[in-house]
mmCIF file of all heavy atoms, coordinates in Angstrom:
data_MODEL
# 
_entry.id   MODEL 
# 
loop_
_atom_site.group_PDB 
_atom_site.id 
_atom_site.type_symbol 
_atom_site.label_atom_id 
_atom_site.label_alt_id 
_atom_site.label_comp_id 
_atom_site.label_asym_id 
_atom_site.label_entity_id 
_atom_site.label_seq_id 
_atom_site.pdbx_PDB_ins_code 
_atom_site.Cartn_x 
_atom_site.Cartn_y 
_atom_site.Cartn_z 
_atom_site.occupancy 
_atom_site.B_iso_or_equiv 
_atom_site.pdbx_formal_charge 
_atom_site.auth_seq_id 
_atom_site.auth_comp_id 
_atom_site.auth_asym_id 
_atom_site.auth_atom_id 
_atom_site.pdbx_PDB_model_num 
ATOM 1   N N   . LEU A 1 1  ? 113.514 96.559  108.113 1.00 0.00 ? 1  LEU A N   1 
ATOM 2   C CA  . LEU A 1 1  ? 114.249 96.624  109.413 1.00 0.00 ? 1  LEU A CA  1 
ATOM 3   C C   . LEU A 1 1  ? 113.555 97.776  110.280 1.00 0.00 ? 1  LEU A C   1 
ATOM 4   O O   . LEU A 1 1  ? 113.523 98.894  109.934 1.00 0.00 ? 1  LEU A O   1 
ATOM 5   C CB  . LEU A 1 1  ? 115.714 96.852  109.316 1.00 0.00 ? 1  LEU A CB  1 
ATOM 6   C CG  . LEU A 1 1  ? 116.608 97.053  110.596 1.00 0.00 ? 1  LEU A CG  1 
ATOM 7   C CD1 . LEU A 1 1  ? 116.454 95.651  111.380 1.00 0.00 ? 1  LEU A CD1 1 
ATOM 8   C CD2 . LEU A 1 1  ? 118.007 97.291  110.180 1.00 0.00 ? 1  LEU A CD2 1 
ATOM 9   N N   . VAL A 1 2  ? 113.086 97.360  111.382 1.00 0.00 ? 2  VAL A N   1 
ATOM 10  C CA  . VAL A 1 2  ? 112.316 98.342  112.381 1.00 0.00 ? 2  VAL A CA  1 
ATOM 11  C C   . VAL A 1 2  ? 113.237 98.912  113.385 1.00 0.00 ? 2  VAL A C   1 
ATOM 12  O O   . VAL A 1 2  ? 113.290 100.160 113.552 1.00 0.00 ? 2  VAL A O   1 
ATOM 13  C CB  . VAL A 1 2  ? 111.064 97.635  112.949 1.00 0.00 ? 2  VAL A CB  1 
ATOM 14  C CG1 . VAL A 1 2  ? 110.429 98.561  113.960 1.00 0.00 ? 2  VAL A CG1 1 
ATOM 15  C CG2 . VAL A 1 2  ? 110.113 97.142  111.906 1.00 0.00 ? 2  VAL A CG2 1 
ATOM 16  N N   . ALA A 1 3  ? 113.936 98.065  114.152 1.00 0.00 ? 3  ALA A N   1 
ATOM 17  C CA  . ALA A 1 3  ? 114.839 98.499  115.314 1.00 0.00 ? 3  ALA A CA  1 
ATOM 18  C C   . ALA A 1 3  ? 115.881 97.533  115.464 1.00 0.00 ? 3  ALA A C   1 
ATOM 19  O O   . ALA A 1 3  ? 115.783 96.368  115.235 1.00 0.00 ? 3  ALA A O   1 
ATOM 20  C CB  . ALA A 1 3  ? 113.907 98.704  116.431 1.00 0.00 ? 3  ALA A CB  1 
ATOM 21  N N   . VAL A 1 4  ? 116.941 98.057  116.008 1.00 0.00 ? 4  VAL A N   1 
ATOM 22  C CA  . VAL A 1 4  ? 118.183 97.258  116.217 1.00 0.00 ? 4  VAL A CA  1 
ATOM 23  C C   . VAL A 1 4  ? 118.693 97.644  117.671 1.00 0.00 ? 4  VAL A C   1 
ATOM 24  O O   . VAL A 1 4  ? 118.654 98.856  117.976 1.00 0.00 ? 4  VAL A O   1 
ATOM 25  C CB  . VAL A 1 4  ? 119.357 97.502  115.321 1.00 0.00 ? 4  VAL A CB  1 
ATOM 26  C CG1 . VAL A 1 4  ? 120.601 96.768  115.716 1.00 0.00 ? 4  VAL A CG1 1 
ATOM 27  C CG2 . VAL A 1 4  ? 118.893 96.954  113.827 1.00 0.00 ? 4  VAL A CG2 1 
ATOM 28  N N   . ILE A 1 5  ? 119.115 96.651  118.482 1.00 0.00 ? 5  ILE A N   1 
ATOM 29  C CA  . ILE A 1 5  ? 119.824 96.974  119.682 1.00 0.00 ? 5  ILE A CA  1 
ATOM 30  C C   . ILE A 1 5  ? 121.018 96.051  119.612 1.00 0.00 ? 5  ILE A C   1 
ATOM 31  O O   . ILE A 1 5  ? 121.015 94.782  119.524 1.00 0.00 ? 5  ILE A O   1 
ATOM 32  C CB  . ILE A 1 5  ? 118.892 96.663  120.936 1.00 0.00 ? 5  ILE A CB  1 
ATOM 33  C CG1 . ILE A 1 5  ? 119.659 97.045  122.256 1.00 0.00 ? 5  ILE A CG1 1 
ATOM 34  C CG2 . ILE A 1 5  ? 118.469 95.192  120.992 1.00 0.00 ? 5  ILE A CG2 1 
ATOM 35  C CD1 . ILE A 1 5  ? 118.660 97.187  123.416 1.00 0.00 ? 5  ILE A CD1 1 
ATOM 36  N N   . THR A 1 6  ? 122.169 96.673  119.844 1.00 0.00 ? 6  THR A N   1 
ATOM 37  C CA  . THR A 1 6  ? 123.493 96.006  119.843 1.00 0.00 ? 6  THR A CA  1 
ATOM 38  C C   . THR A 1 6  ? 123.887 95.488  121.199 1.00 0.00 ? 6  THR A C   1 
ATOM 39  O O   . THR A 1 6  ? 123.222 95.654  122.126 1.00 0.00 ? 6  THR A O   1 
ATOM 40  C CB  . THR A 1 6  ? 124.517 97.117  119.344 1.00 0.00 ? 6  THR A CB  1 
ATOM 41  O OG1 . THR A 1 6  ? 124.896 97.984  120.324 1.00 0.00 ? 6  THR A OG1 1 
ATOM 42  C CG2 . THR A 1 6  ? 124.197 97.758  118.003 1.00 0.00 ? 6  THR A CG2 1 
ATOM 43  N N   . ILE A 1 7  ? 125.029 94.860  121.174 1.00 0.00 ? 7  ILE A N   1 
ATOM 44  C CA  . ILE A 1 7  ? 125.549 94.149  122.327 1.00 0.00 ? 7  ILE A CA  1 
ATOM 45  C C   . ILE A 1 7  ? 125.874 95.265  123.391 1.00 0.00 ? 7  ILE A C   1 
ATOM 46  O O   . ILE A 1 7  ? 125.797 95.007  124.579 1.00 0.00 ? 7  ILE A O   1 
ATOM 47  C CB  . ILE A 1 7  ? 126.748 93.251  122.030 1.00 0.00 ? 7  ILE A CB  1 
ATOM 48  C CG1 . ILE A 1 7  ? 127.076 92.221  123.154 1.00 0.00 ? 7  ILE A CG1 1 
ATOM 49  C CG2 . ILE A 1 7  ? 128.017 94.128  121.773 1.00 0.00 ? 7  ILE A CG2 1 
ATOM 50  C CD1 . ILE A 1 7  ? 125.988 91.250  123.265 1.00 0.00 ? 7  ILE A CD1 1 
ATOM 51  N N   . GLY A 1 8  ? 126.232 96.403  122.955 1.00 0.00 ? 8  GLY A N   1 
ATOM 52  C CA  . GLY A 1 8  ? 126.435 97.488  123.859 1.00 0.00 ? 8  GLY A CA  1 
ATOM 53  C C   . GLY A 1 8  ? 125.218 98.358  124.095 1.00 0.00 ? 8  GLY A C   1 
ATOM 54  O O   . GLY A 1 8  ? 125.296 99.412  124.751 1.00 0.00 ? 8  GLY A O   1 
ATOM 55  N N   . SER A 1 9  ? 123.956 97.745  123.713 1.00 0.00 ? 9  SER A N   1 
ATOM 56  C CA  . SER A 1 9  ? 122.686 98.469  123.951 1.00 0.00 ? 9  SER A CA  1 
ATOM 57  C C   . SER A 1 9  ? 122.510 99.794  123.205 1.00 0.00 ? 9  SER A C   1 
ATOM 58  O O   . SER A 1 9  ? 121.599 100.576 123.608 1.00 0.00 ? 9  SER A O   1 
ATOM 59  C CB  . SER A 1 9  ? 122.492 98.725  125.506 1.00 0.00 ? 9  SER A CB  1 
ATOM 60  O OG  . SER A 1 9  ? 122.386 97.450  126.122 1.00 0.00 ? 9  SER A OG  1 
ATOM 61  N N   . SER A 1 10 ? 123.271 100.067 122.224 1.00 0.00 ? 10 SER A N   1 
ATOM 62  C CA  . SER A 1 10 ? 123.025 101.156 121.307 1.00 0.00 ? 10 SER A CA  1 
ATOM 63  C C   . SER A 1 10 ? 121.782 100.755 120.476 1.00 0.00 ? 10 SER A C   1 
ATOM 64  O O   . SER A 1 10 ? 121.652 99.601  120.091 1.00 0.00 ? 10 SER A O   1 
ATOM 65  C CB  . SER A 1 10 ? 124.173 101.462 120.437 1.00 0.00 ? 10 SER A CB  1 
ATOM 66  O OG  . SER A 1 10 ? 125.306 101.869 121.223 1.00 0.00 ? 10 SER A OG  1 
ATOM 67  N N   . THR A 1 11 ? 120.894 101.765 120.104 1.00 0.00 ? 11 THR A N   1 
ATOM 68  C CA  . THR A 1 11 ? 119.746 101.471 119.437 1.00 0.00 ? 11 THR A CA  1 
ATOM 69  C C   . THR A 1 11 ? 119.676 102.225 118.164 1.00 0.00 ? 11 THR A C   1 
ATOM 70  O O   . THR A 1 11 ? 120.230 103.384 118.086 1.00 0.00 ? 11 THR A O   1 
ATOM 71  C CB  . THR A 1 11 ? 118.442 101.709 120.192 1.00 0.00 ? 11 THR A CB  1 
ATOM 72  O OG1 . THR A 1 11 ? 118.422 103.037 120.631 1.00 0.00 ? 11 THR A OG1 1 
ATOM 73  C CG2 . THR A 1 11 ? 118.486 100.798 121.408 1.00 0.00 ? 11 THR A CG2 1 
ATOM 74  N N   . ASN A 1 12 ? 118.935 101.661 117.072 1.00 0.00 ? 12 ASN A N   1 
ATOM 75  C CA  . ASN A 1 12 ? 118.767 102.449 115.911 1.00 0.00 ? 12 ASN A CA  1 
ATOM 76  C C   . ASN A 1 12 ? 117.208 102.064 115.441 1.00 0.00 ? 12 ASN A C   1 
ATOM 77  O O   . ASN A 1 12 ? 116.868 100.912 115.649 1.00 0.00 ? 12 ASN A O   1 
ATOM 78  C CB  . ASN A 1 12 ? 119.781 102.045 114.781 1.00 0.00 ? 12 ASN A CB  1 
ATOM 79  C CG  . ASN A 1 12 ? 121.081 102.648 115.072 1.00 0.00 ? 12 ASN A CG  1 
ATOM 80  O OD1 . ASN A 1 12 ? 121.244 103.765 114.880 1.00 0.00 ? 12 ASN A OD1 1 
ATOM 81  N ND2 . ASN A 1 12 ? 122.026 101.886 115.461 1.00 0.00 ? 12 ASN A ND2 1 
ATOM 82  N N   . TYR A 1 13 ? 116.612 102.999 114.776 1.00 0.00 ? 13 TYR A N   1 
ATOM 83  C CA  . TYR A 1 13 ? 115.265 102.823 114.418 1.00 0.00 ? 13 TYR A CA  1 
ATOM 84  C C   . TYR A 1 13 ? 114.968 103.316 113.002 1.00 0.00 ? 13 TYR A C   1 
ATOM 85  O O   . TYR A 1 13 ? 115.654 104.209 112.477 1.00 0.00 ? 13 TYR A O   1 
ATOM 86  C CB  . TYR A 1 13 ? 114.290 103.657 115.293 1.00 0.00 ? 13 TYR A CB  1 
ATOM 87  C CG  . TYR A 1 13 ? 114.359 103.303 116.722 1.00 0.00 ? 13 TYR A CG  1 
ATOM 88  C CD1 . TYR A 1 13 ? 115.074 103.894 117.623 1.00 0.00 ? 13 TYR A CD1 1 
ATOM 89  C CD2 . TYR A 1 13 ? 113.600 102.218 117.213 1.00 0.00 ? 13 TYR A CD2 1 
ATOM 90  C CE1 . TYR A 1 13 ? 115.297 103.533 118.942 1.00 0.00 ? 13 TYR A CE1 1 
ATOM 91  C CE2 . TYR A 1 13 ? 113.645 101.919 118.601 1.00 0.00 ? 13 TYR A CE2 1 
ATOM 92  C CZ  . TYR A 1 13 ? 114.485 102.571 119.451 1.00 0.00 ? 13 TYR A CZ  1 
ATOM 93  O OH  . TYR A 1 13 ? 114.515 102.200 120.788 1.00 0.00 ? 13 TYR A OH  1 
ATOM 94  N N   . ALA A 1 14 ? 114.054 102.603 112.319 1.00 0.00 ? 14 ALA A N   1 
ATOM 95  C CA  . ALA A 1 14 ? 113.639 103.122 111.044 1.00 0.00 ? 14 ALA A CA  1 
ATOM 96  C C   . ALA A 1 14 ? 112.901 104.495 111.218 1.00 0.00 ? 14 ALA A C   1 
ATOM 97  O O   . ALA A 1 14 ? 112.357 104.729 112.192 1.00 0.00 ? 14 ALA A O   1 
ATOM 98  C CB  . ALA A 1 14 ? 112.670 102.213 110.474 1.00 0.00 ? 14 ALA A CB  1 
ATOM 99  N N   . ASP A 1 15 ? 113.041 105.427 110.234 1.00 0.00 ? 15 ASP A N   1 
ATOM 100 C CA  . ASP A 1 15 ? 112.441 106.710 110.295 1.00 0.00 ? 15 ASP A CA  1 
ATOM 101 C C   . ASP A 1 15 ? 110.930 106.593 110.554 1.00 0.00 ? 15 ASP A C   1 
ATOM 102 O O   . ASP A 1 15 ? 110.402 107.485 111.253 1.00 0.00 ? 15 ASP A O   1 
ATOM 103 C CB  . ASP A 1 15 ? 112.749 107.522 109.041 1.00 0.00 ? 15 ASP A CB  1 
ATOM 104 C CG  . ASP A 1 15 ? 114.250 107.926 108.967 1.00 0.00 ? 15 ASP A CG  1 
ATOM 105 O OD1 . ASP A 1 15 ? 115.005 107.913 110.008 1.00 0.00 ? 15 ASP A OD1 1 
ATOM 106 O OD2 . ASP A 1 15 ? 114.682 108.328 107.948 1.00 0.00 ? 15 ASP A OD2 1 
ATOM 107 N N   . SER A 1 16 ? 110.346 105.604 109.904 1.00 0.00 ? 16 SER A N   1 
ATOM 108 C CA  . SER A 1 16 ? 108.917 105.391 110.094 1.00 0.00 ? 16 SER A CA  1 
ATOM 109 C C   . SER A 1 16 ? 108.402 105.195 111.388 1.00 0.00 ? 16 SER A C   1 
ATOM 110 O O   . SER A 1 16 ? 107.183 105.378 111.697 1.00 0.00 ? 16 SER A O   1 
ATOM 111 C CB  . SER A 1 16 ? 108.377 104.339 109.071 1.00 0.00 ? 16 SER A CB  1 
ATOM 112 O OG  . SER A 1 16 ? 109.065 103.169 109.382 1.00 0.00 ? 16 SER A OG  1 
ATOM 113 N N   . VAL A 1 17 ? 109.255 104.694 112.304 1.00 0.00 ? 17 VAL A N   1 
ATOM 114 C CA  . VAL A 1 17 ? 108.882 104.334 113.777 1.00 0.00 ? 17 VAL A CA  1 
ATOM 115 C C   . VAL A 1 17 ? 109.570 105.185 114.711 1.00 0.00 ? 17 VAL A C   1 
ATOM 116 O O   . VAL A 1 17 ? 109.266 105.041 115.978 1.00 0.00 ? 17 VAL A O   1 
ATOM 117 C CB  . VAL A 1 17 ? 109.003 102.954 113.975 1.00 0.00 ? 17 VAL A CB  1 
ATOM 118 C CG1 . VAL A 1 17 ? 108.340 101.947 112.913 1.00 0.00 ? 17 VAL A CG1 1 
ATOM 119 C CG2 . VAL A 1 17 ? 110.504 102.510 114.170 1.00 0.00 ? 17 VAL A CG2 1 
ATOM 120 N N   . LYS A 1 18 ? 110.514 106.004 114.346 1.00 0.00 ? 18 LYS A N   1 
ATOM 121 C CA  . LYS A 1 18 ? 111.375 106.716 115.386 1.00 0.00 ? 18 LYS A CA  1 
ATOM 122 C C   . LYS A 1 18 ? 110.299 107.697 116.133 1.00 0.00 ? 18 LYS A C   1 
ATOM 123 O O   . LYS A 1 18 ? 109.631 108.391 115.559 1.00 0.00 ? 18 LYS A O   1 
ATOM 124 C CB  . LYS A 1 18 ? 112.379 107.600 114.589 1.00 0.00 ? 18 LYS A CB  1 
ATOM 125 C CG  . LYS A 1 18 ? 113.450 108.083 115.407 1.00 0.00 ? 18 LYS A CG  1 
ATOM 126 C CD  . LYS A 1 18 ? 114.541 108.695 114.575 1.00 0.00 ? 18 LYS A CD  1 
ATOM 127 C CE  . LYS A 1 18 ? 115.214 107.634 113.665 1.00 0.00 ? 18 LYS A CE  1 
ATOM 128 N NZ  . LYS A 1 18 ? 116.319 108.299 112.796 1.00 0.00 ? 18 LYS A NZ  1 
ATOM 129 N N   . GLY A 1 19 ? 110.622 107.664 117.549 1.00 0.00 ? 19 GLY A N   1 
ATOM 130 C CA  . GLY A 1 19 ? 109.731 108.427 118.346 1.00 0.00 ? 19 GLY A CA  1 
ATOM 131 C C   . GLY A 1 19 ? 108.549 107.823 118.774 1.00 0.00 ? 19 GLY A C   1 
ATOM 132 O O   . GLY A 1 19 ? 107.873 108.265 119.741 1.00 0.00 ? 19 GLY A O   1 
ATOM 133 N N   . ARG A 1 20 ? 108.187 106.609 118.155 1.00 0.00 ? 20 ARG A N   1 
ATOM 134 C CA  . ARG A 1 20 ? 107.041 105.890 118.508 1.00 0.00 ? 20 ARG A CA  1 
ATOM 135 C C   . ARG A 1 20 ? 107.279 104.527 119.171 1.00 0.00 ? 20 ARG A C   1 
ATOM 136 O O   . ARG A 1 20 ? 106.591 103.986 120.006 1.00 0.00 ? 20 ARG A O   1 
ATOM 137 C CB  . ARG A 1 20 ? 106.074 105.678 117.370 1.00 0.00 ? 20 ARG A CB  1 
ATOM 138 C CG  . ARG A 1 20 ? 105.496 107.053 116.770 1.00 0.00 ? 20 ARG A CG  1 
ATOM 139 C CD  . ARG A 1 20 ? 104.469 106.724 115.767 1.00 0.00 ? 20 ARG A CD  1 
ATOM 140 N NE  . ARG A 1 20 ? 105.036 105.985 114.529 1.00 0.00 ? 20 ARG A NE  1 
ATOM 141 C CZ  . ARG A 1 20 ? 104.583 104.805 114.180 1.00 0.00 ? 20 ARG A CZ  1 
ATOM 142 N NH1 . ARG A 1 20 ? 103.478 104.258 114.867 1.00 0.00 ? 20 ARG A NH1 1 
ATOM 143 N NH2 . ARG A 1 20 ? 105.046 104.217 113.129 1.00 0.00 ? 20 ARG A NH2 1 
ATOM 144 N N   . PHE A 1 21 ? 108.336 103.904 118.667 1.00 0.00 ? 21 PHE A N   1 
ATOM 145 C CA  . PHE A 1 21 ? 108.701 102.538 119.019 1.00 0.00 ? 21 PHE A CA  1 
ATOM 146 C C   . PHE A 1 21 ? 110.014 102.522 119.904 1.00 0.00 ? 21 PHE A C   1 
ATOM 147 O O   . PHE A 1 21 ? 110.865 103.502 119.689 1.00 0.00 ? 21 PHE A O   1 
ATOM 148 C CB  . PHE A 1 21 ? 108.989 101.601 117.810 1.00 0.00 ? 21 PHE A CB  1 
ATOM 149 C CG  . PHE A 1 21 ? 107.836 101.337 117.035 1.00 0.00 ? 21 PHE A CG  1 
ATOM 150 C CD1 . PHE A 1 21 ? 106.657 101.934 117.309 1.00 0.00 ? 21 PHE A CD1 1 
ATOM 151 C CD2 . PHE A 1 21 ? 107.931 100.273 116.108 1.00 0.00 ? 21 PHE A CD2 1 
ATOM 152 C CE1 . PHE A 1 21 ? 105.495 101.536 116.425 1.00 0.00 ? 21 PHE A CE1 1 
ATOM 153 C CE2 . PHE A 1 21 ? 106.778 99.917  115.363 1.00 0.00 ? 21 PHE A CE2 1 
ATOM 154 C CZ  . PHE A 1 21 ? 105.760 100.470 115.501 1.00 0.00 ? 21 PHE A CZ  1 
ATOM 155 N N   . THR A 1 22 ? 110.146 101.691 120.837 1.00 0.00 ? 22 THR A N   1 
ATOM 156 C CA  . THR A 1 22 ? 111.352 101.597 121.641 1.00 0.00 ? 22 THR A CA  1 
ATOM 157 C C   . THR A 1 22 ? 111.756 100.062 121.765 1.00 0.00 ? 22 THR A C   1 
ATOM 158 O O   . THR A 1 22 ? 110.938 99.224  122.091 1.00 0.00 ? 22 THR A O   1 
ATOM 159 C CB  . THR A 1 22 ? 111.099 102.134 123.094 1.00 0.00 ? 22 THR A CB  1 
ATOM 160 O OG1 . THR A 1 22 ? 110.567 103.387 123.068 1.00 0.00 ? 22 THR A OG1 1 
ATOM 161 C CG2 . THR A 1 22 ? 112.349 102.031 123.996 1.00 0.00 ? 22 THR A CG2 1 
ATOM 162 N N   . ILE A 1 23 ? 112.958 99.818  121.430 1.00 0.00 ? 23 ILE A N   1 
ATOM 163 C CA  . ILE A 1 23 ? 113.567 98.473  121.603 1.00 0.00 ? 23 ILE A CA  1 
ATOM 164 C C   . ILE A 1 23 ? 114.332 98.357  122.854 1.00 0.00 ? 23 ILE A C   1 
ATOM 165 O O   . ILE A 1 23 ? 115.139 99.372  123.186 1.00 0.00 ? 23 ILE A O   1 
ATOM 166 C CB  . ILE A 1 23 ? 114.397 98.025  120.303 1.00 0.00 ? 23 ILE A CB  1 
ATOM 167 C CG1 . ILE A 1 23 ? 114.839 96.505  120.463 1.00 0.00 ? 23 ILE A CG1 1 
ATOM 168 C CG2 . ILE A 1 23 ? 115.617 98.900  120.245 1.00 0.00 ? 23 ILE A CG2 1 
ATOM 169 C CD1 . ILE A 1 23 ? 115.439 96.000  119.112 1.00 0.00 ? 23 ILE A CD1 1 
ATOM 170 N N   . SER A 1 24 ? 114.289 97.240  123.601 1.00 0.00 ? 24 SER A N   1 
ATOM 171 C CA  . SER A 1 24 ? 115.042 97.095  124.786 1.00 0.00 ? 24 SER A CA  1 
ATOM 172 C C   . SER A 1 24 ? 115.394 95.516  125.009 1.00 0.00 ? 24 SER A C   1 
ATOM 173 O O   . SER A 1 24 ? 114.737 94.726  124.353 1.00 0.00 ? 24 SER A O   1 
ATOM 174 C CB  . SER A 1 24 ? 114.335 97.596  126.015 1.00 0.00 ? 24 SER A CB  1 
ATOM 175 O OG  . SER A 1 24 ? 113.127 96.942  126.165 1.00 0.00 ? 24 SER A OG  1 
ATOM 176 N N   . ARG A 1 25 ? 116.433 95.310  125.880 1.00 0.00 ? 25 ARG A N   1 
ATOM 177 C CA  . ARG A 1 25 ? 116.640 93.868  126.163 1.00 0.00 ? 25 ARG A CA  1 
ATOM 178 C C   . ARG A 1 25 ? 116.920 93.676  127.624 1.00 0.00 ? 25 ARG A C   1 
ATOM 179 O O   . ARG A 1 25 ? 117.425 94.677  128.314 1.00 0.00 ? 25 ARG A O   1 
ATOM 180 C CB  . ARG A 1 25 ? 117.938 93.385  125.359 1.00 0.00 ? 25 ARG A CB  1 
ATOM 181 C CG  . ARG A 1 25 ? 119.224 94.164  125.650 1.00 0.00 ? 25 ARG A CG  1 
ATOM 182 C CD  . ARG A 1 25 ? 120.236 93.901  124.561 1.00 0.00 ? 25 ARG A CD  1 
ATOM 183 N NE  . ARG A 1 25 ? 120.525 92.424  124.444 1.00 0.00 ? 25 ARG A NE  1 
ATOM 184 C CZ  . ARG A 1 25 ? 121.321 91.979  123.432 1.00 0.00 ? 25 ARG A CZ  1 
ATOM 185 N NH1 . ARG A 1 25 ? 121.791 92.703  122.502 1.00 0.00 ? 25 ARG A NH1 1 
ATOM 186 N NH2 . ARG A 1 25 ? 121.519 90.630  123.379 1.00 0.00 ? 25 ARG A NH2 1 
# 
């Protein structure tokens, strides 16, 4: 699991990609 964006647009990232990847909708 790399990244999650919830229905409320909260985001979570794997430690391996945190600070480098951004998820958006």
